[in-house]
Amino acid sequence: MKDASIDTARRAIFSRLRSAMPAEQVGPPNLDGYYAQSFTASTADRVAQFVERARGWQAEVIETTLADWPVALLSVLEVKGVKRLLAGRDTELSTSLASTVGAECLCWYDESLDRFKATLFAEMDAGITTTRGGIVETGSLILWPNGNEPRTLSLVPPLHIAVVHVDQLHDTLYSAILAQRWSEGLPTNALLVTGPSKTADIQRLLVYGAHGPKQLTILLIRSEEQA
C-alpha cells in the first residue's frame, strides 16, 4: 500500500511538471550596460581609488615614475632588509634590475621548481614580478605567470613586490578582460592578487600572512606625462 501511494504521488508530480507552461526564455545579462554605469572616474580618481582599496587589504603602495622606480625599489629592499631578491629573466624589468640591484642580492629564477625548491623556500626574501595591471574596484593585481615568471615567484617568497603601470589600471575585472582581449588566448592560469596572503578559516578571524607572502608592496608607476 505504501509503495502504491508513493508511485501515485510521483506520477502526479510528473504530470503537473509536463503540463506546466514552458519557462520564459531569459537572455544573457547586459554586462556592458551594468559595468558602464559602475565607474566613470577620471584617471586621477581611478588611481586614488586603487591605492585606497589596495591599502585597505594591507598592501603597501608606493607611487613613483618610470625613471625613479629603480630607486624606489632599492629603498624598499633596504627598509625590508631584503638580502636575496628573486626575479624572472627576459621581462620588462630584467634590464633595469640587473643594472640597479647588486649581483649579491639579485637571483634569477632559471631552474625548474624541482631543482630550485629548497633554495626558493629557504633563501629568497622577496620576489618581484611584472603585472597585467590592476583592478580599481577591488584593489587587486592581475598576474599571468609564464616560463620567465612562474607563479611560485609571487606565491612563495615572504615579500611580493609587484610593478604596476597607471595606464594598466582597469575599473573592473570585466573591463580588464575586454581591454586585454583575454578571449584570444589565456595562460594556463591567471592570478588575481588582493593584498598579502590571508585566511579566515580559523574561527572566522581574518589573519594575514597565514600562507604565501606575508607582505605585498606595489610600485605604481606613472609615465613622465602623468607624474
N, C-alpha and C. Protein backbone atom coordinates (compact mmCIF):
# COMPACT_ATOMS: atom_id res chain seq x y z
N MET A 1 0.82 -1.20 0.00
CA MET A 1 0.00 0.00 0.00
C MET A 1 0.86 1.26 0.00
N LYS A 2 1.92 1.20 0.80
CA LYS A 2 2.79 2.38 0.90
C LYS A 2 3.47 2.64 -0.43
N ASP A 3 3.97 1.58 -1.09
CA ASP A 3 4.65 1.76 -2.38
C ASP A 3 3.69 2.30 -3.43
N ALA A 4 2.43 1.87 -3.39
CA ALA A 4 1.45 2.33 -4.36
C ALA A 4 1.16 3.81 -4.19
N SER A 5 1.06 4.26 -2.95
CA SER A 5 0.79 5.68 -2.70
C SER A 5 1.95 6.55 -3.14
N ILE A 6 3.18 6.05 -2.92
CA ILE A 6 4.36 6.80 -3.36
C ILE A 6 4.38 6.91 -4.88
N ASP A 7 4.05 5.79 -5.54
CA ASP A 7 4.04 5.79 -7.00
C ASP A 7 2.98 6.75 -7.54
N THR A 8 1.81 6.79 -6.88
CA THR A 8 0.75 7.70 -7.32
C THR A 8 1.19 9.15 -7.17
N ALA A 9 1.82 9.46 -6.05
CA ALA A 9 2.29 10.83 -5.81
C ALA A 9 3.35 11.22 -6.83
N ARG A 10 4.23 10.28 -7.14
CA ARG A 10 5.29 10.56 -8.11
C ARG A 10 4.69 10.86 -9.48
N ARG A 11 3.70 10.04 -9.90
CA ARG A 11 3.09 10.25 -11.20
C ARG A 11 2.33 11.57 -11.25
N ALA A 12 1.74 11.96 -10.13
CA ALA A 12 1.03 13.24 -10.08
C ALA A 12 1.98 14.41 -10.23
N ILE A 13 3.14 14.30 -9.60
CA ILE A 13 4.15 15.37 -9.70
C ILE A 13 4.65 15.50 -11.13
N PHE A 14 4.97 14.38 -11.75
CA PHE A 14 5.47 14.41 -13.13
C PHE A 14 4.41 14.93 -14.09
N SER A 15 3.16 14.59 -13.81
CA SER A 15 2.07 15.06 -14.66
C SER A 15 1.97 16.57 -14.61
N ARG A 16 2.07 17.14 -13.42
CA ARG A 16 2.00 18.60 -13.28
C ARG A 16 3.19 19.28 -13.95
N LEU A 17 4.36 18.66 -13.85
CA LEU A 17 5.54 19.23 -14.50
C LEU A 17 5.40 19.23 -16.01
N ARG A 18 4.86 18.13 -16.57
CA ARG A 18 4.71 18.04 -18.02
C ARG A 18 3.68 19.03 -18.55
N SER A 19 2.65 19.29 -17.75
CA SER A 19 1.59 20.18 -18.21
C SER A 19 1.88 21.64 -17.95
N ALA A 20 2.91 21.91 -17.21
CA ALA A 20 3.23 23.30 -16.88
C ALA A 20 3.67 24.05 -18.12
N MET A 21 3.42 25.37 -18.13
CA MET A 21 3.83 26.22 -19.24
C MET A 21 5.36 26.27 -19.29
N PRO A 22 5.94 26.23 -20.47
CA PRO A 22 7.40 26.35 -20.54
C PRO A 22 7.87 27.68 -19.96
N ALA A 23 9.02 27.62 -19.30
CA ALA A 23 9.57 28.83 -18.66
C ALA A 23 9.94 29.86 -19.71
N GLU A 24 9.78 31.11 -19.35
CA GLU A 24 10.16 32.20 -20.26
C GLU A 24 11.67 32.18 -20.47
N GLN A 25 12.07 32.27 -21.72
CA GLN A 25 13.50 32.27 -22.02
C GLN A 25 14.12 33.59 -21.59
N VAL A 26 15.21 33.47 -20.84
CA VAL A 26 15.91 34.65 -20.34
C VAL A 26 17.26 34.75 -21.05
N GLY A 27 17.53 35.89 -21.63
CA GLY A 27 18.79 36.08 -22.34
C GLY A 27 19.93 36.38 -21.38
N PRO A 28 21.14 36.46 -21.90
CA PRO A 28 22.30 36.75 -21.05
C PRO A 28 22.19 38.16 -20.46
N PRO A 29 22.75 38.37 -19.28
CA PRO A 29 22.69 39.70 -18.66
C PRO A 29 23.45 40.73 -19.47
N ASN A 30 23.03 41.97 -19.39
CA ASN A 30 23.68 43.06 -20.11
C ASN A 30 24.86 43.56 -19.28
N LEU A 31 25.99 42.84 -19.36
CA LEU A 31 27.15 43.19 -18.55
C LEU A 31 27.74 44.52 -18.97
N ASP A 32 27.76 44.79 -20.28
CA ASP A 32 28.31 46.07 -20.75
C ASP A 32 27.56 47.24 -20.12
N GLY A 33 26.24 47.17 -20.11
CA GLY A 33 25.45 48.24 -19.53
C GLY A 33 25.65 48.36 -18.04
N TYR A 34 25.72 47.22 -17.37
CA TYR A 34 25.89 47.24 -15.91
C TYR A 34 27.21 47.89 -15.52
N TYR A 35 28.32 47.44 -16.13
CA TYR A 35 29.62 47.96 -15.73
C TYR A 35 29.86 49.37 -16.24
N ALA A 36 29.20 49.74 -17.33
CA ALA A 36 29.34 51.11 -17.82
C ALA A 36 28.80 52.11 -16.82
N GLN A 37 27.81 51.70 -16.03
CA GLN A 37 27.21 52.58 -15.04
C GLN A 37 27.97 52.54 -13.71
N SER A 38 28.87 51.58 -13.56
CA SER A 38 29.51 51.38 -12.28
C SER A 38 30.66 52.37 -12.03
N PHE A 39 31.42 52.70 -13.09
CA PHE A 39 32.59 53.53 -12.92
C PHE A 39 32.67 54.57 -14.03
N THR A 40 32.86 55.81 -13.64
CA THR A 40 33.08 56.88 -14.61
C THR A 40 34.21 57.80 -14.13
N ALA A 41 35.14 57.22 -13.39
CA ALA A 41 36.18 58.01 -12.74
C ALA A 41 37.22 58.51 -13.74
N SER A 42 37.81 59.67 -13.43
CA SER A 42 38.94 60.16 -14.20
C SER A 42 40.17 59.33 -13.84
N THR A 43 41.27 59.54 -14.55
CA THR A 43 42.49 58.81 -14.25
C THR A 43 42.95 59.07 -12.83
N ALA A 44 42.89 60.33 -12.40
CA ALA A 44 43.31 60.67 -11.04
C ALA A 44 42.43 59.97 -10.01
N ASP A 45 41.13 59.95 -10.25
CA ASP A 45 40.22 59.27 -9.32
C ASP A 45 40.47 57.77 -9.33
N ARG A 46 40.73 57.23 -10.50
CA ARG A 46 40.97 55.80 -10.62
C ARG A 46 42.20 55.39 -9.81
N VAL A 47 43.26 56.19 -9.92
CA VAL A 47 44.49 55.91 -9.17
C VAL A 47 44.21 56.00 -7.67
N ALA A 48 43.53 57.05 -7.25
CA ALA A 48 43.24 57.24 -5.82
C ALA A 48 42.41 56.09 -5.27
N GLN A 49 41.42 55.64 -6.03
CA GLN A 49 40.57 54.54 -5.58
C GLN A 49 41.36 53.23 -5.50
N PHE A 50 42.20 52.99 -6.50
CA PHE A 50 43.00 51.77 -6.49
C PHE A 50 43.93 51.76 -5.27
N VAL A 51 44.61 52.86 -5.03
CA VAL A 51 45.54 52.96 -3.90
C VAL A 51 44.80 52.74 -2.58
N GLU A 52 43.66 53.39 -2.43
CA GLU A 52 42.89 53.26 -1.18
C GLU A 52 42.46 51.82 -0.94
N ARG A 53 41.98 51.17 -1.98
CA ARG A 53 41.46 49.81 -1.81
C ARG A 53 42.59 48.81 -1.63
N ALA A 54 43.70 49.00 -2.33
CA ALA A 54 44.85 48.10 -2.14
C ALA A 54 45.39 48.22 -0.72
N ARG A 55 45.50 49.45 -0.23
CA ARG A 55 45.98 49.65 1.14
C ARG A 55 44.98 49.11 2.15
N GLY A 56 43.71 49.13 1.80
CA GLY A 56 42.70 48.57 2.69
C GLY A 56 42.88 47.07 2.90
N TRP A 57 43.54 46.41 1.95
CA TRP A 57 43.87 44.99 2.08
C TRP A 57 45.29 44.78 2.59
N GLN A 58 45.85 45.80 3.22
CA GLN A 58 47.18 45.73 3.85
C GLN A 58 48.34 45.68 2.85
N ALA A 59 48.09 46.09 1.61
CA ALA A 59 49.19 46.22 0.66
C ALA A 59 49.87 47.57 0.84
N GLU A 60 51.17 47.61 0.63
CA GLU A 60 51.91 48.87 0.63
C GLU A 60 51.98 49.36 -0.81
N VAL A 61 51.55 50.59 -1.05
CA VAL A 61 51.58 51.15 -2.40
C VAL A 61 52.54 52.33 -2.44
N ILE A 62 53.52 52.27 -3.32
CA ILE A 62 54.49 53.34 -3.48
C ILE A 62 54.32 53.92 -4.87
N GLU A 63 53.91 55.16 -4.95
CA GLU A 63 53.72 55.81 -6.25
C GLU A 63 55.06 56.40 -6.71
N THR A 64 55.43 56.07 -7.93
CA THR A 64 56.72 56.51 -8.45
C THR A 64 56.60 56.76 -9.95
N THR A 65 57.71 56.99 -10.61
CA THR A 65 57.70 57.27 -12.05
C THR A 65 58.54 56.23 -12.77
N LEU A 66 58.45 56.25 -14.09
CA LEU A 66 59.20 55.29 -14.89
C LEU A 66 60.70 55.47 -14.69
N ALA A 67 61.13 56.71 -14.47
CA ALA A 67 62.56 56.97 -14.28
C ALA A 67 63.03 56.64 -12.87
N ASP A 68 62.14 56.79 -11.89
CA ASP A 68 62.54 56.68 -10.49
C ASP A 68 62.23 55.35 -9.82
N TRP A 69 61.51 54.46 -10.50
CA TRP A 69 61.10 53.24 -9.80
C TRP A 69 62.26 52.38 -9.33
N PRO A 70 63.42 52.32 -10.05
CA PRO A 70 64.53 51.54 -9.50
C PRO A 70 65.03 52.07 -8.16
N VAL A 71 65.04 53.40 -8.01
CA VAL A 71 65.45 54.00 -6.73
C VAL A 71 64.43 53.64 -5.64
N ALA A 72 63.15 53.69 -6.00
CA ALA A 72 62.10 53.30 -5.05
C ALA A 72 62.27 51.84 -4.64
N LEU A 73 62.62 50.99 -5.59
CA LEU A 73 62.83 49.58 -5.28
C LEU A 73 63.99 49.40 -4.31
N LEU A 74 65.10 50.09 -4.55
CA LEU A 74 66.25 49.97 -3.65
C LEU A 74 65.87 50.39 -2.23
N SER A 75 65.03 51.41 -2.11
CA SER A 75 64.58 51.85 -0.79
C SER A 75 63.75 50.76 -0.11
N VAL A 76 62.89 50.11 -0.88
CA VAL A 76 62.08 49.02 -0.33
C VAL A 76 62.98 47.89 0.16
N LEU A 77 63.97 47.52 -0.65
CA LEU A 77 64.86 46.43 -0.28
C LEU A 77 65.62 46.75 1.01
N GLU A 78 66.04 48.01 1.14
CA GLU A 78 66.77 48.41 2.34
C GLU A 78 65.87 48.39 3.57
N VAL A 79 64.70 49.00 3.45
CA VAL A 79 63.78 49.07 4.59
C VAL A 79 63.32 47.67 5.03
N LYS A 80 63.07 46.81 4.07
CA LYS A 80 62.57 45.47 4.38
C LYS A 80 63.69 44.49 4.74
N GLY A 81 64.92 44.92 4.59
CA GLY A 81 66.04 44.04 4.92
C GLY A 81 66.18 42.87 3.96
N VAL A 82 65.89 43.10 2.69
CA VAL A 82 65.95 42.02 1.68
C VAL A 82 67.40 41.76 1.28
N LYS A 83 67.83 40.53 1.48
CA LYS A 83 69.19 40.12 1.09
C LYS A 83 69.21 39.35 -0.22
N ARG A 84 68.11 38.65 -0.53
CA ARG A 84 68.02 37.89 -1.77
C ARG A 84 66.69 38.22 -2.45
N LEU A 85 66.78 38.80 -3.63
CA LEU A 85 65.61 39.17 -4.42
C LEU A 85 65.53 38.26 -5.64
N LEU A 86 64.40 37.61 -5.80
CA LEU A 86 64.20 36.68 -6.91
C LEU A 86 63.42 37.36 -8.03
N ALA A 87 63.89 37.18 -9.26
CA ALA A 87 63.23 37.81 -10.41
C ALA A 87 63.30 36.88 -11.62
N GLY A 88 62.42 37.14 -12.59
CA GLY A 88 62.42 36.38 -13.83
C GLY A 88 63.24 37.08 -14.89
N ARG A 89 63.91 36.30 -15.72
CA ARG A 89 64.69 36.87 -16.81
C ARG A 89 63.78 37.25 -17.98
N ASP A 90 64.33 38.10 -18.84
CA ASP A 90 63.68 38.45 -20.11
C ASP A 90 62.27 39.01 -19.90
N THR A 91 62.14 39.90 -18.94
CA THR A 91 60.90 40.62 -18.72
C THR A 91 61.17 42.11 -18.89
N GLU A 92 60.15 42.92 -18.82
CA GLU A 92 60.34 44.36 -18.94
C GLU A 92 61.14 44.94 -17.78
N LEU A 93 61.30 44.16 -16.72
CA LEU A 93 62.03 44.63 -15.54
C LEU A 93 63.49 44.20 -15.53
N SER A 94 63.83 43.14 -16.25
CA SER A 94 65.11 42.47 -16.05
C SER A 94 66.32 43.36 -16.32
N THR A 95 66.27 44.18 -17.36
CA THR A 95 67.42 45.05 -17.67
C THR A 95 67.65 46.05 -16.55
N SER A 96 66.57 46.70 -16.09
CA SER A 96 66.71 47.68 -15.00
C SER A 96 67.16 47.00 -13.71
N LEU A 97 66.64 45.82 -13.44
CA LEU A 97 67.03 45.10 -12.23
C LEU A 97 68.51 44.76 -12.24
N ALA A 98 69.00 44.30 -13.40
CA ALA A 98 70.40 43.90 -13.50
C ALA A 98 71.34 45.07 -13.26
N SER A 99 70.92 46.27 -13.67
CA SER A 99 71.78 47.45 -13.51
C SER A 99 71.56 48.17 -12.18
N THR A 100 70.52 47.80 -11.46
CA THR A 100 70.18 48.51 -10.22
C THR A 100 70.50 47.70 -8.97
N VAL A 101 70.12 46.44 -8.98
CA VAL A 101 70.27 45.59 -7.80
C VAL A 101 71.59 44.83 -7.91
N GLY A 102 72.35 44.84 -6.84
CA GLY A 102 73.65 44.17 -6.86
C GLY A 102 73.54 42.68 -7.12
N ALA A 103 74.60 42.12 -7.72
CA ALA A 103 74.60 40.71 -8.06
C ALA A 103 74.52 39.83 -6.82
N GLU A 104 74.99 40.32 -5.69
CA GLU A 104 74.93 39.52 -4.46
C GLU A 104 73.51 39.42 -3.92
N CYS A 105 72.62 40.32 -4.39
CA CYS A 105 71.24 40.33 -3.92
C CYS A 105 70.30 39.72 -4.97
N LEU A 106 70.51 40.02 -6.23
CA LEU A 106 69.59 39.60 -7.28
C LEU A 106 69.83 38.14 -7.66
N CYS A 107 68.74 37.38 -7.69
CA CYS A 107 68.80 35.97 -8.07
C CYS A 107 67.78 35.73 -9.18
N TRP A 108 68.21 35.11 -10.28
CA TRP A 108 67.30 34.84 -11.39
C TRP A 108 66.63 33.48 -11.22
N TYR A 109 65.36 33.43 -11.59
CA TYR A 109 64.59 32.18 -11.50
C TYR A 109 64.87 31.39 -12.78
N ASP A 110 65.99 30.67 -12.80
CA ASP A 110 66.45 30.00 -14.02
C ASP A 110 66.26 28.48 -14.00
N GLU A 111 65.94 27.93 -12.84
CA GLU A 111 65.88 26.48 -12.71
C GLU A 111 64.44 26.00 -12.58
N SER A 112 64.25 24.72 -12.81
CA SER A 112 62.93 24.13 -12.61
C SER A 112 62.61 24.12 -11.12
N LEU A 113 61.33 24.05 -10.81
CA LEU A 113 60.91 24.07 -9.40
C LEU A 113 61.49 22.89 -8.64
N ASP A 114 61.57 21.73 -9.26
CA ASP A 114 62.10 20.56 -8.57
C ASP A 114 63.53 20.79 -8.09
N ARG A 115 64.34 21.43 -8.92
CA ARG A 115 65.74 21.67 -8.55
C ARG A 115 65.89 22.90 -7.67
N PHE A 116 64.97 23.84 -7.78
CA PHE A 116 65.12 25.14 -7.11
C PHE A 116 64.32 25.23 -5.81
N LYS A 117 63.48 24.23 -5.53
CA LYS A 117 62.52 24.33 -4.43
C LYS A 117 63.17 24.64 -3.09
N ALA A 118 64.23 23.96 -2.74
CA ALA A 118 64.86 24.17 -1.43
C ALA A 118 65.37 25.60 -1.29
N THR A 119 66.01 26.11 -2.35
CA THR A 119 66.51 27.49 -2.32
C THR A 119 65.36 28.48 -2.28
N LEU A 120 64.33 28.22 -3.08
CA LEU A 120 63.17 29.12 -3.15
C LEU A 120 62.51 29.30 -1.80
N PHE A 121 62.28 28.21 -1.09
CA PHE A 121 61.56 28.27 0.17
C PHE A 121 62.44 28.71 1.34
N ALA A 122 63.73 28.47 1.26
CA ALA A 122 64.59 28.72 2.42
C ALA A 122 65.42 29.99 2.34
N GLU A 123 65.70 30.46 1.11
CA GLU A 123 66.69 31.53 0.99
C GLU A 123 66.18 32.83 0.37
N MET A 124 65.06 32.80 -0.33
CA MET A 124 64.59 34.01 -1.01
C MET A 124 63.76 34.89 -0.07
N ASP A 125 64.19 36.14 0.09
CA ASP A 125 63.47 37.08 0.96
C ASP A 125 62.29 37.74 0.25
N ALA A 126 62.42 37.90 -1.08
CA ALA A 126 61.37 38.61 -1.83
C ALA A 126 61.38 38.15 -3.28
N GLY A 127 60.23 38.28 -3.92
CA GLY A 127 60.12 38.05 -5.36
C GLY A 127 59.52 39.28 -6.00
N ILE A 128 60.02 39.66 -7.16
CA ILE A 128 59.49 40.82 -7.87
C ILE A 128 58.92 40.36 -9.21
N THR A 129 57.73 40.86 -9.54
CA THR A 129 57.07 40.45 -10.78
C THR A 129 56.51 41.65 -11.54
N THR A 130 56.33 41.43 -12.83
CA THR A 130 55.52 42.33 -13.62
C THR A 130 54.05 42.00 -13.34
N THR A 131 53.15 42.79 -13.88
CA THR A 131 51.72 42.50 -13.78
C THR A 131 51.05 42.85 -15.10
N ARG A 132 49.82 42.36 -15.26
CA ARG A 132 49.00 42.75 -16.41
C ARG A 132 48.17 43.98 -16.07
N GLY A 133 48.35 44.52 -14.86
CA GLY A 133 47.60 45.71 -14.46
C GLY A 133 46.93 45.51 -13.12
N GLY A 134 46.02 46.43 -12.81
CA GLY A 134 45.31 46.38 -11.54
C GLY A 134 43.82 46.61 -11.75
N ILE A 135 43.04 46.19 -10.75
CA ILE A 135 41.59 46.34 -10.78
C ILE A 135 41.18 47.34 -9.71
N VAL A 136 40.63 48.46 -10.14
CA VAL A 136 40.29 49.54 -9.21
C VAL A 136 39.21 49.10 -8.24
N GLU A 137 38.22 48.39 -8.71
CA GLU A 137 37.07 48.01 -7.90
C GLU A 137 37.48 47.27 -6.62
N THR A 138 38.52 46.44 -6.71
CA THR A 138 38.91 45.61 -5.57
C THR A 138 40.33 45.87 -5.07
N GLY A 139 41.09 46.72 -5.77
CA GLY A 139 42.47 46.93 -5.37
C GLY A 139 43.35 45.72 -5.64
N SER A 140 42.98 44.94 -6.67
CA SER A 140 43.68 43.69 -6.98
C SER A 140 44.70 43.88 -8.10
N LEU A 141 45.64 42.93 -8.16
CA LEU A 141 46.61 42.86 -9.25
C LEU A 141 46.27 41.70 -10.17
N ILE A 142 46.60 41.85 -11.45
CA ILE A 142 46.43 40.77 -12.42
C ILE A 142 47.80 40.26 -12.81
N LEU A 143 48.06 38.98 -12.57
CA LEU A 143 49.33 38.36 -12.94
C LEU A 143 49.05 37.21 -13.90
N TRP A 144 49.90 37.12 -14.94
CA TRP A 144 49.84 35.99 -15.88
C TRP A 144 51.17 35.26 -15.80
N PRO A 145 51.30 34.28 -14.94
CA PRO A 145 52.58 33.55 -14.84
C PRO A 145 52.94 32.87 -16.16
N ASN A 146 54.25 32.76 -16.40
CA ASN A 146 54.74 32.06 -17.59
C ASN A 146 56.09 31.45 -17.27
N GLY A 147 56.79 30.99 -18.30
CA GLY A 147 58.06 30.35 -18.06
C GLY A 147 59.11 31.26 -17.45
N ASN A 148 59.05 32.54 -17.77
CA ASN A 148 60.01 33.50 -17.21
C ASN A 148 59.65 33.91 -15.78
N GLU A 149 58.36 33.98 -15.51
CA GLU A 149 57.87 34.35 -14.18
C GLU A 149 56.87 33.29 -13.70
N PRO A 150 57.35 32.16 -13.19
CA PRO A 150 56.45 31.13 -12.70
C PRO A 150 55.60 31.65 -11.55
N ARG A 151 54.45 31.03 -11.33
CA ARG A 151 53.56 31.52 -10.28
C ARG A 151 54.18 31.45 -8.90
N THR A 152 55.12 30.52 -8.68
CA THR A 152 55.77 30.44 -7.37
C THR A 152 56.63 31.66 -7.08
N LEU A 153 56.98 32.43 -8.12
CA LEU A 153 57.76 33.65 -7.90
C LEU A 153 56.98 34.66 -7.06
N SER A 154 55.66 34.69 -7.23
CA SER A 154 54.84 35.63 -6.45
C SER A 154 54.17 34.98 -5.25
N LEU A 155 54.12 33.65 -5.21
CA LEU A 155 53.36 32.96 -4.17
C LEU A 155 54.20 32.43 -3.01
N VAL A 156 55.52 32.30 -3.20
CA VAL A 156 56.34 31.65 -2.17
C VAL A 156 57.14 32.62 -1.30
N PRO A 157 57.95 33.53 -1.87
CA PRO A 157 58.76 34.42 -1.01
C PRO A 157 57.88 35.23 -0.06
N PRO A 158 58.38 35.52 1.14
CA PRO A 158 57.57 36.23 2.14
C PRO A 158 57.18 37.65 1.75
N LEU A 159 57.90 38.25 0.82
CA LEU A 159 57.57 39.59 0.33
C LEU A 159 57.38 39.51 -1.19
N HIS A 160 56.23 39.96 -1.66
CA HIS A 160 55.97 40.05 -3.09
C HIS A 160 56.00 41.52 -3.48
N ILE A 161 56.88 41.87 -4.41
CA ILE A 161 56.96 43.22 -4.95
C ILE A 161 56.40 43.17 -6.37
N ALA A 162 55.38 43.97 -6.64
CA ALA A 162 54.72 43.96 -7.94
C ALA A 162 54.82 45.33 -8.59
N VAL A 163 55.11 45.35 -9.87
CA VAL A 163 55.23 46.60 -10.62
C VAL A 163 53.98 46.77 -11.49
N VAL A 164 53.29 47.90 -11.29
CA VAL A 164 52.04 48.17 -12.00
C VAL A 164 52.12 49.54 -12.64
N HIS A 165 51.67 49.66 -13.87
CA HIS A 165 51.64 50.94 -14.55
C HIS A 165 50.25 51.56 -14.44
N VAL A 166 50.21 52.86 -14.23
CA VAL A 166 48.93 53.56 -14.07
C VAL A 166 48.02 53.34 -15.27
N ASP A 167 48.60 53.34 -16.47
CA ASP A 167 47.74 53.18 -17.65
C ASP A 167 47.24 51.75 -17.84
N GLN A 168 47.60 50.86 -16.90
CA GLN A 168 47.10 49.49 -16.93
C GLN A 168 46.09 49.24 -15.79
N LEU A 169 45.60 50.31 -15.20
CA LEU A 169 44.55 50.17 -14.18
C LEU A 169 43.20 50.10 -14.89
N HIS A 170 42.39 49.12 -14.51
CA HIS A 170 41.07 48.93 -15.10
C HIS A 170 40.02 49.02 -14.00
N ASP A 171 38.87 49.58 -14.35
CA ASP A 171 37.82 49.77 -13.35
C ASP A 171 37.40 48.45 -12.71
N THR A 172 37.21 47.43 -13.52
CA THR A 172 36.72 46.13 -13.04
C THR A 172 37.49 45.01 -13.73
N LEU A 173 37.32 43.80 -13.21
CA LEU A 173 37.89 42.64 -13.88
C LEU A 173 37.27 42.49 -15.27
N TYR A 174 35.99 42.76 -15.37
CA TYR A 174 35.29 42.65 -16.66
C TYR A 174 35.92 43.59 -17.69
N SER A 175 36.18 44.83 -17.31
CA SER A 175 36.77 45.78 -18.25
C SER A 175 38.20 45.38 -18.62
N ALA A 176 38.93 44.77 -17.68
CA ALA A 176 40.28 44.29 -17.99
C ALA A 176 40.23 43.15 -18.99
N ILE A 177 39.28 42.24 -18.80
CA ILE A 177 39.14 41.11 -19.72
C ILE A 177 38.85 41.60 -21.14
N LEU A 178 37.99 42.62 -21.26
CA LEU A 178 37.66 43.15 -22.58
C LEU A 178 38.85 43.90 -23.18
N ALA A 179 39.46 44.79 -22.41
CA ALA A 179 40.54 45.63 -22.93
C ALA A 179 41.75 44.79 -23.33
N GLN A 180 42.04 43.75 -22.57
CA GLN A 180 43.22 42.92 -22.84
C GLN A 180 42.91 41.71 -23.73
N ARG A 181 41.66 41.58 -24.14
CA ARG A 181 41.24 40.52 -25.07
C ARG A 181 41.61 39.13 -24.57
N TRP A 182 41.20 38.84 -23.35
CA TRP A 182 41.52 37.55 -22.77
C TRP A 182 40.98 36.40 -23.62
N SER A 183 39.87 36.62 -24.30
CA SER A 183 39.25 35.54 -25.08
C SER A 183 40.14 35.06 -26.22
N GLU A 184 41.14 35.86 -26.58
CA GLU A 184 42.01 35.50 -27.70
C GLU A 184 43.17 34.60 -27.29
N GLY A 185 43.32 34.37 -26.01
CA GLY A 185 44.39 33.48 -25.55
C GLY A 185 44.69 33.68 -24.08
N LEU A 186 44.45 32.63 -23.29
CA LEU A 186 44.67 32.68 -21.85
C LEU A 186 45.90 31.86 -21.47
N PRO A 187 46.57 32.23 -20.38
CA PRO A 187 47.66 31.39 -19.89
C PRO A 187 47.07 30.16 -19.19
N THR A 188 47.94 29.28 -18.74
CA THR A 188 47.45 28.10 -18.01
C THR A 188 46.75 28.51 -16.72
N ASN A 189 47.14 29.65 -16.16
CA ASN A 189 46.41 30.19 -15.02
C ASN A 189 46.64 31.69 -14.95
N ALA A 190 45.63 32.41 -14.50
CA ALA A 190 45.73 33.85 -14.26
C ALA A 190 45.54 34.07 -12.77
N LEU A 191 46.39 34.89 -12.18
CA LEU A 191 46.31 35.13 -10.74
C LEU A 191 45.73 36.52 -10.47
N LEU A 192 44.81 36.59 -9.53
CA LEU A 192 44.31 37.86 -9.01
C LEU A 192 44.81 37.97 -7.58
N VAL A 193 45.66 38.96 -7.34
CA VAL A 193 46.29 39.12 -6.03
C VAL A 193 45.68 40.34 -5.35
N THR A 194 45.06 40.11 -4.20
CA THR A 194 44.44 41.20 -3.45
C THR A 194 45.06 41.23 -2.06
N GLY A 195 46.09 42.04 -1.89
CA GLY A 195 46.78 42.13 -0.62
C GLY A 195 47.68 40.92 -0.39
N PRO A 196 48.39 40.90 0.75
CA PRO A 196 49.21 39.73 1.09
C PRO A 196 48.30 38.53 1.39
N SER A 197 48.91 37.38 1.58
CA SER A 197 48.11 36.17 1.83
C SER A 197 47.29 36.34 3.11
N LYS A 198 46.15 35.69 3.12
CA LYS A 198 45.24 35.82 4.26
C LYS A 198 44.33 34.62 4.34
N THR A 199 43.76 34.39 5.50
CA THR A 199 42.78 33.33 5.67
C THR A 199 41.82 33.71 6.79
N ALA A 200 40.59 33.22 6.67
CA ALA A 200 39.60 33.39 7.74
C ALA A 200 39.04 32.02 8.14
N ASP A 201 39.83 30.98 7.88
CA ASP A 201 39.36 29.62 8.15
C ASP A 201 39.26 29.31 9.64
N ILE A 202 40.08 29.96 10.44
CA ILE A 202 40.12 29.65 11.87
C ILE A 202 39.23 30.64 12.63
N GLN A 203 38.13 30.14 13.17
CA GLN A 203 37.18 30.94 13.96
C GLN A 203 36.71 32.19 13.20
N ARG A 204 36.76 32.15 11.88
CA ARG A 204 36.29 33.25 11.04
C ARG A 204 37.01 34.56 11.31
N LEU A 205 38.23 34.48 11.78
CA LEU A 205 39.04 35.66 12.03
C LEU A 205 39.99 35.85 10.84
N LEU A 206 40.03 37.06 10.29
CA LEU A 206 40.90 37.34 9.15
C LEU A 206 42.33 37.51 9.64
N VAL A 207 43.20 36.61 9.17
CA VAL A 207 44.60 36.61 9.58
C VAL A 207 45.47 36.77 8.34
N TYR A 208 46.39 37.73 8.38
CA TYR A 208 47.28 37.97 7.24
C TYR A 208 48.57 37.16 7.40
N GLY A 209 49.14 36.78 6.27
CA GLY A 209 50.42 36.08 6.29
C GLY A 209 50.33 34.63 6.72
N ALA A 210 49.14 34.04 6.62
CA ALA A 210 48.97 32.65 7.07
C ALA A 210 49.67 31.68 6.12
N HIS A 211 49.70 32.01 4.86
CA HIS A 211 50.36 31.17 3.85
C HIS A 211 50.73 32.08 2.69
N GLY A 212 51.81 31.76 2.00
CA GLY A 212 52.24 32.64 0.92
C GLY A 212 52.86 33.92 1.45
N PRO A 213 52.96 34.96 0.60
CA PRO A 213 53.62 36.20 1.00
C PRO A 213 52.95 36.87 2.21
N LYS A 214 53.76 37.23 3.17
CA LYS A 214 53.25 37.95 4.34
C LYS A 214 53.10 39.44 4.07
N GLN A 215 53.79 39.94 3.04
CA GLN A 215 53.73 41.35 2.69
C GLN A 215 53.61 41.51 1.17
N LEU A 216 52.90 42.56 0.76
CA LEU A 216 52.80 42.90 -0.65
C LEU A 216 53.14 44.38 -0.81
N THR A 217 54.13 44.67 -1.64
CA THR A 217 54.50 46.05 -1.96
C THR A 217 54.25 46.28 -3.44
N ILE A 218 53.47 47.31 -3.75
CA ILE A 218 53.13 47.64 -5.13
C ILE A 218 53.87 48.91 -5.52
N LEU A 219 54.68 48.82 -6.58
CA LEU A 219 55.29 50.02 -7.16
C LEU A 219 54.38 50.48 -8.29
N LEU A 220 53.66 51.56 -8.05
CA LEU A 220 52.69 52.07 -9.01
C LEU A 220 53.36 53.17 -9.84
N ILE A 221 53.58 52.88 -11.12
CA ILE A 221 54.41 53.73 -11.96
C ILE A 221 53.56 54.62 -12.86
N ARG A 222 53.83 55.90 -12.76
CA ARG A 222 53.23 56.88 -13.66
C ARG A 222 54.22 57.18 -14.78
N SER A 223 53.71 57.49 -15.95
CA SER A 223 54.58 57.96 -17.02
C SER A 223 55.04 59.37 -16.68
N GLU A 224 56.02 59.86 -17.40
CA GLU A 224 56.52 61.21 -17.12
C GLU A 224 55.42 62.25 -17.33
N GLU A 225 54.52 61.98 -18.28
CA GLU A 225 53.41 62.91 -18.55
C GLU A 225 52.39 62.90 -17.42
N GLN A 226 52.24 61.73 -16.76
CA GLN A 226 51.27 61.59 -15.67
C GLN A 226 51.82 62.05 -14.34
N ALA A 227 53.14 62.16 -14.24
CA ALA A 227 53.76 62.50 -12.95
C ALA A 227 53.44 63.92 -12.55
